[in-house]
PDB file of all heavy atoms in Angstrom:
ATOM      1  N   HIS A   1      -8.883   9.076 -14.595  1.00  0.00           N
ATOM      2  CA  HIS A   1      -9.416   7.823 -15.120  1.00  0.00           C
ATOM      3  C   HIS A   1     -10.729   7.525 -14.408  1.00  0.00           C
ATOM      4  O   HIS A   1     -10.817   7.676 -13.184  1.00  0.00           O
ATOM      5  CB  HIS A   1      -8.450   6.659 -14.925  1.00  0.00           C
ATOM      6  CG  HIS A   1      -8.763   5.477 -15.796  1.00  0.00           C
ATOM      7  ND1 HIS A   1      -9.836   4.636 -15.552  1.00  0.00           N
ATOM      8  CD2 HIS A   1      -8.175   5.006 -16.925  1.00  0.00           C
ATOM      9  CE1 HIS A   1      -9.883   3.705 -16.489  1.00  0.00           C
ATOM     10  NE2 HIS A   1      -8.890   3.906 -17.339  1.00  0.00           N
ATOM     11  N   PRO A   2     -11.769   7.094 -15.143  1.00  0.00           N
ATOM     12  CA  PRO A   2     -13.086   6.911 -14.520  1.00  0.00           C
ATOM     13  C   PRO A   2     -13.254   5.651 -13.690  1.00  0.00           C
ATOM     14  O   PRO A   2     -14.189   5.564 -12.901  1.00  0.00           O
ATOM     15  CB  PRO A   2     -14.026   6.884 -15.727  1.00  0.00           C
ATOM     16  CG  PRO A   2     -13.191   6.364 -16.855  1.00  0.00           C
ATOM     17  CD  PRO A   2     -11.824   6.937 -16.609  1.00  0.00           C
ATOM     18  N   LYS A   3     -12.359   4.665 -13.833  1.00  0.00           N
ATOM     19  CA  LYS A   3     -12.540   3.388 -13.138  1.00  0.00           C
ATOM     20  C   LYS A   3     -11.436   3.170 -12.115  1.00  0.00           C
ATOM     21  O   LYS A   3     -10.250   3.163 -12.455  1.00  0.00           O
ATOM     22  CB  LYS A   3     -12.576   2.236 -14.147  1.00  0.00           C
ATOM     23  CG  LYS A   3     -13.734   2.308 -15.131  1.00  0.00           C
ATOM     24  CD  LYS A   3     -13.833   1.061 -15.988  1.00  0.00           C
ATOM     25  CE  LYS A   3     -14.241  -0.142 -15.165  1.00  0.00           C
ATOM     26  NZ  LYS A   3     -14.480  -1.345 -16.000  1.00  0.00           N
ATOM     27  N   GLU A   4     -11.837   2.938 -10.882  1.00  0.00           N
ATOM     28  CA  GLU A   4     -10.864   2.769  -9.815  1.00  0.00           C
ATOM     29  C   GLU A   4     -10.017   1.516 -10.011  1.00  0.00           C
ATOM     30  O   GLU A   4      -8.852   1.485  -9.630  1.00  0.00           O
ATOM     31  CB  GLU A   4     -11.570   2.715  -8.456  1.00  0.00           C
ATOM     32  CG  GLU A   4     -10.641   2.497  -7.279  1.00  0.00           C
ATOM     33  CD  GLU A   4      -9.512   3.512  -7.195  1.00  0.00           C
ATOM     34  OE1 GLU A   4      -9.729   4.681  -7.559  1.00  0.00           O
ATOM     35  OE2 GLU A   4      -8.391   3.133  -6.784  1.00  0.00           O
ATOM     36  N   GLY A   5     -10.567   0.465 -10.603  1.00  0.00           N
ATOM     37  CA  GLY A   5      -9.813  -0.771 -10.770  1.00  0.00           C
ATOM     38  C   GLY A   5      -8.951  -0.818 -12.009  1.00  0.00           C
ATOM     39  O   GLY A   5      -8.453  -1.890 -12.378  1.00  0.00           O
ATOM     40  N   SER A   6      -8.734   0.298 -12.660  1.00  0.00           N
ATOM     41  CA  SER A   6      -7.971   0.319 -13.908  1.00  0.00           C
ATOM     42  C   SER A   6      -6.480   0.155 -13.661  1.00  0.00           C
ATOM     43  O   SER A   6      -5.989   0.321 -12.532  1.00  0.00           O
ATOM     44  CB  SER A   6      -8.207   1.640 -14.639  1.00  0.00           C
ATOM     45  OG  SER A   6      -7.546   2.695 -13.956  1.00  0.00           O
ATOM     46  N   PHE A   7      -5.744  -0.145 -14.723  1.00  0.00           N
ATOM     47  CA  PHE A   7      -4.292  -0.213 -14.626  1.00  0.00           C
ATOM     48  C   PHE A   7      -3.714   1.164 -14.337  1.00  0.00           C
ATOM     49  O   PHE A   7      -2.670   1.290 -13.678  1.00  0.00           O
ATOM     50  CB  PHE A   7      -3.707  -0.790 -15.915  1.00  0.00           C
ATOM     51  CG  PHE A   7      -2.213  -0.956 -15.880  1.00  0.00           C
ATOM     52  CD1 PHE A   7      -1.605  -1.713 -14.884  1.00  0.00           C
ATOM     53  CD2 PHE A   7      -1.406  -0.374 -16.839  1.00  0.00           C
ATOM     54  CE1 PHE A   7      -0.221  -1.864 -14.838  1.00  0.00           C
ATOM     55  CE2 PHE A   7      -0.029  -0.529 -16.813  1.00  0.00           C
ATOM     56  CZ  PHE A   7       0.565  -1.277 -15.806  1.00  0.00           C
ATOM     57  N   ASN A   8      -4.399   2.209 -14.803  1.00  0.00           N
ATOM     58  CA  ASN A   8      -3.962   3.564 -14.471  1.00  0.00           C
ATOM     59  C   ASN A   8      -3.947   3.791 -12.963  1.00  0.00           C
ATOM     60  O   ASN A   8      -3.098   4.507 -12.442  1.00  0.00           O
ATOM     61  CB  ASN A   8      -4.855   4.606 -15.152  1.00  0.00           C
ATOM     62  CG  ASN A   8      -4.404   4.946 -16.538  1.00  0.00           C
ATOM     63  OD1 ASN A   8      -3.800   5.979 -16.793  1.00  0.00           O
ATOM     64  ND2 ASN A   8      -4.714   4.061 -17.484  1.00  0.00           N
ATOM     65  N   ALA A   9      -4.906   3.176 -12.257  1.00  0.00           N
ATOM     66  CA  ALA A   9      -4.922   3.303 -10.798  1.00  0.00           C
ATOM     67  C   ALA A   9      -3.687   2.657 -10.188  1.00  0.00           C
ATOM     68  O   ALA A   9      -3.117   3.170  -9.212  1.00  0.00           O
ATOM     69  CB  ALA A   9      -6.196   2.679 -10.229  1.00  0.00           C
ATOM     70  N   ALA A  10      -3.248   1.536 -10.760  1.00  0.00           N
ATOM     71  CA  ALA A  10      -2.034   0.880 -10.271  1.00  0.00           C
ATOM     72  C   ALA A  10      -0.808   1.761 -10.533  1.00  0.00           C
ATOM     73  O   ALA A  10       0.101   1.840  -9.687  1.00  0.00           O
ATOM     74  CB  ALA A  10      -1.867  -0.482 -10.947  1.00  0.00           C
ATOM     75  N   ILE A  11      -0.779   2.415 -11.681  1.00  0.00           N
ATOM     76  CA  ILE A  11       0.320   3.335 -11.984  1.00  0.00           C
ATOM     77  C   ILE A  11       0.302   4.502 -11.007  1.00  0.00           C
ATOM     78  O   ILE A  11       1.340   4.897 -10.458  1.00  0.00           O
ATOM     79  CB  ILE A  11       0.214   3.843 -13.437  1.00  0.00           C
ATOM     80  CG1 ILE A  11       0.413   2.686 -14.413  1.00  0.00           C
ATOM     81  CG2 ILE A  11       1.229   4.957 -13.693  1.00  0.00           C
ATOM     82  CD1 ILE A  11       0.142   3.051 -15.863  1.00  0.00           C
ATOM     83  N   ARG A  12      -0.891   5.063 -10.784  1.00  0.00           N
ATOM     84  CA  ARG A  12      -1.035   6.150  -9.803  1.00  0.00           C
ATOM     85  C   ARG A  12      -0.486   5.735  -8.441  1.00  0.00           C
ATOM     86  O   ARG A  12       0.280   6.476  -7.810  1.00  0.00           O
ATOM     87  CB  ARG A  12      -2.505   6.523  -9.685  1.00  0.00           C
ATOM     88  CG  ARG A  12      -2.831   7.540  -8.597  1.00  0.00           C
ATOM     89  CD  ARG A  12      -4.279   7.404  -8.151  1.00  0.00           C
ATOM     90  NE  ARG A  12      -4.545   6.095  -7.563  1.00  0.00           N
ATOM     91  CZ  ARG A  12      -5.765   5.573  -7.424  1.00  0.00           C
ATOM     92  NH1 ARG A  12      -6.825   6.227  -7.839  1.00  0.00           N
ATOM     93  NH2 ARG A  12      -5.908   4.372  -6.878  1.00  0.00           N
ATOM     94  N   ASP A  13      -0.857   4.544  -7.991  1.00  0.00           N
ATOM     95  CA  ASP A  13      -0.422   4.084  -6.677  1.00  0.00           C
ATOM     96  C   ASP A  13       1.093   3.907  -6.611  1.00  0.00           C
ATOM     97  O   ASP A  13       1.718   4.193  -5.579  1.00  0.00           O
ATOM     98  CB  ASP A  13      -1.123   2.778  -6.312  1.00  0.00           C
ATOM     99  CG  ASP A  13      -2.610   2.966  -6.063  1.00  0.00           C
ATOM    100  OD1 ASP A  13      -3.043   4.130  -5.906  1.00  0.00           O
ATOM    101  OD2 ASP A  13      -3.341   1.955  -6.039  1.00  0.00           O
ATOM    102  N   MET A  14       1.696   3.452  -7.714  1.00  0.00           N
ATOM    103  CA  MET A  14       3.153   3.325  -7.742  1.00  0.00           C
ATOM    104  C   MET A  14       3.820   4.701  -7.668  1.00  0.00           C
ATOM    105  O   MET A  14       4.815   4.896  -6.951  1.00  0.00           O
ATOM    106  CB  MET A  14       3.601   2.592  -9.005  1.00  0.00           C
ATOM    107  CG  MET A  14       5.112   2.429  -9.141  1.00  0.00           C
ATOM    108  SD  MET A  14       5.851   1.480  -7.775  1.00  0.00           S
ATOM    109  CE  MET A  14       5.300  -0.183  -8.229  1.00  0.00           C
ATOM    110  N   VAL A  15       3.272   5.659  -8.400  1.00  0.00           N
ATOM    111  CA  VAL A  15       3.791   7.029  -8.365  1.00  0.00           C
ATOM    112  C   VAL A  15       3.704   7.589  -6.951  1.00  0.00           C
ATOM    113  O   VAL A  15       4.667   8.170  -6.426  1.00  0.00           O
ATOM    114  CB  VAL A  15       3.019   7.917  -9.363  1.00  0.00           C
ATOM    115  CG1 VAL A  15       3.310   9.403  -9.119  1.00  0.00           C
ATOM    116  CG2 VAL A  15       3.367   7.541 -10.797  1.00  0.00           C
ATOM    117  N   LEU A  16       2.557   7.405  -6.297  1.00  0.00           N
ATOM    118  CA  LEU A  16       2.380   7.905  -4.941  1.00  0.00           C
ATOM    119  C   LEU A  16       3.328   7.224  -3.961  1.00  0.00           C
ATOM    120  O   LEU A  16       3.891   7.858  -3.061  1.00  0.00           O
ATOM    121  CB  LEU A  16       0.932   7.694  -4.496  1.00  0.00           C
ATOM    122  CG  LEU A  16      -0.131   8.498  -5.244  1.00  0.00           C
ATOM    123  CD1 LEU A  16      -1.528   8.080  -4.811  1.00  0.00           C
ATOM    124  CD2 LEU A  16       0.059  10.002  -5.035  1.00  0.00           C
ATOM    125  N   GLU A  17       3.522   5.923  -4.142  1.00  0.00           N
ATOM    126  CA  GLU A  17       4.442   5.185  -3.271  1.00  0.00           C
ATOM    127  C   GLU A  17       5.860   5.723  -3.371  1.00  0.00           C
ATOM    128  O   GLU A  17       6.548   5.913  -2.353  1.00  0.00           O
ATOM    129  CB  GLU A  17       4.411   3.697  -3.635  1.00  0.00           C
ATOM    130  CG  GLU A  17       5.384   2.843  -2.839  1.00  0.00           C
ATOM    131  CD  GLU A  17       5.395   1.391  -3.288  1.00  0.00           C
ATOM    132  OE1 GLU A  17       4.336   0.885  -3.711  1.00  0.00           O
ATOM    133  OE2 GLU A  17       6.469   0.771  -3.224  1.00  0.00           O
ATOM    134  N   LYS A  18       6.312   5.974  -4.597  1.00  0.00           N
ATOM    135  CA  LYS A  18       7.673   6.461  -4.787  1.00  0.00           C
ATOM    136  C   LYS A  18       7.835   7.893  -4.292  1.00  0.00           C
ATOM    137  O   LYS A  18       8.909   8.274  -3.799  1.00  0.00           O
ATOM    138  CB  LYS A  18       8.088   6.340  -6.255  1.00  0.00           C
ATOM    139  CG  LYS A  18       8.198   4.892  -6.724  1.00  0.00           C
ATOM    140  CD  LYS A  18       9.161   4.102  -5.849  1.00  0.00           C
ATOM    141  CE  LYS A  18       9.234   2.645  -6.240  1.00  0.00           C
ATOM    142  NZ  LYS A  18      10.166   1.879  -5.374  1.00  0.00           N
ATOM    143  N   LEU A  19       6.797   8.694  -4.398  1.00  0.00           N
ATOM    144  CA  LEU A  19       6.847  10.043  -3.839  1.00  0.00           C
ATOM    145  C   LEU A  19       6.959   9.981  -2.313  1.00  0.00           C
ATOM    146  O   LEU A  19       7.728  10.719  -1.697  1.00  0.00           O
ATOM    147  CB  LEU A  19       5.606  10.833  -4.246  1.00  0.00           C
ATOM    148  CG  LEU A  19       5.551  11.291  -5.706  1.00  0.00           C
ATOM    149  CD1 LEU A  19       4.166  11.830  -6.034  1.00  0.00           C
ATOM    150  CD2 LEU A  19       6.612  12.351  -5.990  1.00  0.00           C
ATOM    151  N   HIS A  20       6.175   9.093  -1.728  1.00  0.00           N
ATOM    152  CA  HIS A  20       6.233   8.920  -0.277  1.00  0.00           C
ATOM    153  C   HIS A  20       7.617   8.444   0.156  1.00  0.00           C
ATOM    154  O   HIS A  20       8.189   8.954   1.132  1.00  0.00           O
ATOM    155  CB  HIS A  20       5.169   7.912   0.159  1.00  0.00           C
ATOM    156  CG  HIS A  20       5.229   7.553   1.614  1.00  0.00           C
ATOM    157  ND1 HIS A  20       5.107   8.485   2.620  1.00  0.00           N
ATOM    158  CD2 HIS A  20       5.401   6.356   2.228  1.00  0.00           C
ATOM    159  CE1 HIS A  20       5.201   7.878   3.799  1.00  0.00           C
ATOM    160  NE2 HIS A  20       5.385   6.586   3.586  1.00  0.00           N
ATOM    161  N   ASP A  21       8.176   7.488  -0.581  1.00  0.00           N
ATOM    162  CA  ASP A  21       9.513   6.986  -0.276  1.00  0.00           C
ATOM    163  C   ASP A  21      10.560   8.094  -0.362  1.00  0.00           C
ATOM    164  O   ASP A  21      11.571   8.052   0.344  1.00  0.00           O
ATOM    165  CB  ASP A  21       9.900   5.856  -1.227  1.00  0.00           C
ATOM    166  CG  ASP A  21       9.144   4.557  -0.953  1.00  0.00           C
ATOM    167  OD1 ASP A  21       8.466   4.476   0.100  1.00  0.00           O
ATOM    168  OD2 ASP A  21       9.220   3.643  -1.790  1.00  0.00           O
ATOM    169  N   ALA A  22      10.329   9.062  -1.256  1.00  0.00           N
ATOM    170  CA  ALA A  22      11.279  10.162  -1.433  1.00  0.00           C
ATOM    171  C   ALA A  22      11.097  11.257  -0.392  1.00  0.00           C
ATOM    172  O   ALA A  22      11.839  12.239  -0.381  1.00  0.00           O
ATOM    173  CB  ALA A  22      11.139  10.746  -2.834  1.00  0.00           C
ATOM    174  N   GLY A  23      10.102  11.097   0.486  1.00  0.00           N
ATOM    175  CA  GLY A  23       9.877  12.082   1.525  1.00  0.00           C
ATOM    176  C   GLY A  23       9.109  13.302   1.076  1.00  0.00           C
ATOM    177  O   GLY A  23       9.172  14.362   1.712  1.00  0.00           O
ATOM    178  N   ALA A  24       8.373  13.189  -0.017  1.00  0.00           N
ATOM    179  CA  ALA A  24       7.646  14.326  -0.574  1.00  0.00           C
ATOM    180  C   ALA A  24       6.356  14.606   0.189  1.00  0.00           C
ATOM    181  O   ALA A  24       5.721  13.700   0.726  1.00  0.00           O
ATOM    182  CB  ALA A  24       7.321  14.070  -2.040  1.00  0.00           C
ATOM    183  N   ASP A  25       5.970  15.878   0.219  1.00  0.00           N
ATOM    184  CA  ASP A  25       4.615  16.254   0.585  1.00  0.00           C
ATOM    185  C   ASP A  25       3.779  16.085  -0.679  1.00  0.00           C
ATOM    186  O   ASP A  25       4.180  16.564  -1.751  1.00  0.00           O
ATOM    187  CB  ASP A  25       4.548  17.701   1.062  1.00  0.00           C
ATOM    188  CG  ASP A  25       5.228  17.899   2.404  1.00  0.00           C
ATOM    189  OD1 ASP A  25       5.167  16.975   3.231  1.00  0.00           O
ATOM    190  OD2 ASP A  25       5.829  18.962   2.612  1.00  0.00           O
ATOM    191  N   VAL A  26       2.635  15.421  -0.575  1.00  0.00           N
ATOM    192  CA  VAL A  26       1.882  15.032  -1.763  1.00  0.00           C
ATOM    193  C   VAL A  26       0.430  15.498  -1.688  1.00  0.00           C
ATOM    194  O   VAL A  26      -0.211  15.389  -0.641  1.00  0.00           O
ATOM    195  CB  VAL A  26       1.910  13.501  -1.961  1.00  0.00           C
ATOM    196  CG1 VAL A  26       1.115  13.103  -3.210  1.00  0.00           C
ATOM    197  CG2 VAL A  26       3.339  12.992  -2.065  1.00  0.00           C
ATOM    198  N   ARG A  27      -0.056  16.002  -2.802  1.00  0.00           N
ATOM    199  CA  ARG A  27      -1.475  16.272  -2.972  1.00  0.00           C
ATOM    200  C   ARG A  27      -1.944  15.536  -4.225  1.00  0.00           C
ATOM    201  O   ARG A  27      -1.264  15.575  -5.268  1.00  0.00           O
ATOM    202  CB  ARG A  27      -1.764  17.765  -3.099  1.00  0.00           C
ATOM    203  CG  ARG A  27      -1.425  18.553  -1.842  1.00  0.00           C
ATOM    204  CD  ARG A  27      -1.819  20.014  -1.974  1.00  0.00           C
ATOM    205  NE  ARG A  27      -1.405  20.781  -0.793  1.00  0.00           N
ATOM    206  CZ  ARG A  27      -1.653  22.078  -0.612  1.00  0.00           C
ATOM    207  NH1 ARG A  27      -2.318  22.757  -1.564  1.00  0.00           N
ATOM    208  NH2 ARG A  27      -1.241  22.694   0.486  1.00  0.00           N
ATOM    209  N   LEU A  28      -3.081  14.873  -4.114  1.00  0.00           N
ATOM    210  CA  LEU A  28      -3.649  14.122  -5.232  1.00  0.00           C
ATOM    211  C   LEU A  28      -4.965  14.748  -5.651  1.00  0.00           C
ATOM    212  O   LEU A  28      -5.853  14.961  -4.822  1.00  0.00           O
ATOM    213  CB  LEU A  28      -3.879  12.662  -4.822  1.00  0.00           C
ATOM    214  CG  LEU A  28      -4.687  11.799  -5.797  1.00  0.00           C
ATOM    215  CD1 LEU A  28      -3.916  11.586  -7.099  1.00  0.00           C
ATOM    216  CD2 LEU A  28      -5.038  10.458  -5.142  1.00  0.00           C
ATOM    217  N   ILE A  29      -5.079  15.055  -6.938  1.00  0.00           N
ATOM    218  CA  ILE A  29      -6.349  15.481  -7.517  1.00  0.00           C
ATOM    219  C   ILE A  29      -6.869  14.330  -8.369  1.00  0.00           C
ATOM    220  O   ILE A  29      -6.266  13.985  -9.380  1.00  0.00           O
ATOM    221  CB  ILE A  29      -6.186  16.748  -8.383  1.00  0.00           C
ATOM    222  CG1 ILE A  29      -5.772  17.945  -7.518  1.00  0.00           C
ATOM    223  CG2 ILE A  29      -7.486  17.056  -9.125  1.00  0.00           C
ATOM    224  CD1 ILE A  29      -5.517  19.216  -8.328  1.00  0.00           C
ATOM    225  N   ASP A  30      -7.975  13.725  -7.944  1.00  0.00           N
ATOM    226  CA  ASP A  30      -8.625  12.649  -8.692  1.00  0.00           C
ATOM    227  C   ASP A  30      -9.837  13.273  -9.387  1.00  0.00           C
ATOM    228  O   ASP A  30     -10.893  13.464  -8.781  1.00  0.00           O
ATOM    229  CB  ASP A  30      -9.047  11.532  -7.732  1.00  0.00           C
ATOM    230  CG  ASP A  30      -9.596  10.306  -8.441  1.00  0.00           C
ATOM    231  OD1 ASP A  30     -10.175  10.464  -9.547  1.00  0.00           O
ATOM    232  OD2 ASP A  30      -9.490   9.203  -7.892  1.00  0.00           O
ATOM    233  N   LEU A  31      -9.675  13.605 -10.653  1.00  0.00           N
ATOM    234  CA  LEU A  31     -10.669  14.409 -11.358  1.00  0.00           C
ATOM    235  C   LEU A  31     -12.035  13.753 -11.430  1.00  0.00           C
ATOM    236  O   LEU A  31     -13.064  14.395 -11.201  1.00  0.00           O
ATOM    237  CB  LEU A  31     -10.160  14.743 -12.759  1.00  0.00           C
ATOM    238  CG  LEU A  31      -8.921  15.636 -12.811  1.00  0.00           C
ATOM    239  CD1 LEU A  31      -8.420  15.780 -14.245  1.00  0.00           C
ATOM    240  CD2 LEU A  31      -9.221  17.002 -12.213  1.00  0.00           C
ATOM    241  N   TYR A  32     -12.082  12.462 -11.755  1.00  0.00           N
ATOM    242  CA  TYR A  32     -13.370  11.777 -11.845  1.00  0.00           C
ATOM    243  C   TYR A  32     -14.000  11.597 -10.471  1.00  0.00           C
ATOM    244  O   TYR A  32     -15.214  11.768 -10.300  1.00  0.00           O
ATOM    245  CB  TYR A  32     -13.215  10.425 -12.535  1.00  0.00           C
ATOM    246  CG  TYR A  32     -13.117  10.509 -14.032  1.00  0.00           C
ATOM    247  CD1 TYR A  32     -11.880  10.574 -14.660  1.00  0.00           C
ATOM    248  CD2 TYR A  32     -14.268  10.523 -14.830  1.00  0.00           C
ATOM    249  CE1 TYR A  32     -11.780  10.642 -16.040  1.00  0.00           C
ATOM    250  CE2 TYR A  32     -14.186  10.591 -16.206  1.00  0.00           C
ATOM    251  CZ  TYR A  32     -12.945  10.654 -16.809  1.00  0.00           C
ATOM    252  OH  TYR A  32     -12.849  10.729 -18.177  1.00  0.00           O
ATOM    253  N   LYS A  33     -13.198  11.268  -9.481  1.00  0.00           N
ATOM    254  CA  LYS A  33     -13.725  11.016  -8.137  1.00  0.00           C
ATOM    255  C   LYS A  33     -14.378  12.258  -7.558  1.00  0.00           C
ATOM    256  O   LYS A  33     -15.409  12.178  -6.884  1.00  0.00           O
ATOM    257  CB  LYS A  33     -12.615  10.524  -7.217  1.00  0.00           C
ATOM    258  CG  LYS A  33     -13.105  10.076  -5.854  1.00  0.00           C
ATOM    259  CD  LYS A  33     -11.971   9.467  -5.047  1.00  0.00           C
ATOM    260  CE  LYS A  33     -12.462   8.964  -3.697  1.00  0.00           C
ATOM    261  NZ  LYS A  33     -11.358   8.330  -2.921  1.00  0.00           N
ATOM    262  N   GLU A  34     -13.802  13.417  -7.824  1.00  0.00           N
ATOM    263  CA  GLU A  34     -14.373  14.645  -7.283  1.00  0.00           C
ATOM    264  C   GLU A  34     -15.455  15.232  -8.182  1.00  0.00           C
ATOM    265  O   GLU A  34     -16.088  16.229  -7.822  1.00  0.00           O
ATOM    266  CB  GLU A  34     -13.301  15.683  -7.018  1.00  0.00           C
ATOM    267  CG  GLU A  34     -12.751  16.388  -8.242  1.00  0.00           C
ATOM    268  CD  GLU A  34     -11.886  17.594  -7.878  1.00  0.00           C
ATOM    269  OE1 GLU A  34     -10.880  17.409  -7.171  1.00  0.00           O
ATOM    270  OE2 GLU A  34     -12.222  18.697  -8.306  1.00  0.00           O
ATOM    271  N   GLY A  35     -15.675  14.626  -9.339  1.00  0.00           N
ATOM    272  CA  GLY A  35     -16.706  15.114 -10.240  1.00  0.00           C
ATOM    273  C   GLY A  35     -16.349  16.450 -10.879  1.00  0.00           C
ATOM    274  O   GLY A  35     -17.222  17.293 -11.110  1.00  0.00           O
TER     275      GLY A  35
END
């Protein structure tokens, strides 16, 4: 998603939070941020 303040960003953050809660090792690829 191209905008950091989007609702998609909130969904992303919830997904990451639940992965962290589950004890997962996590890697995030932010396609727009990395160009």
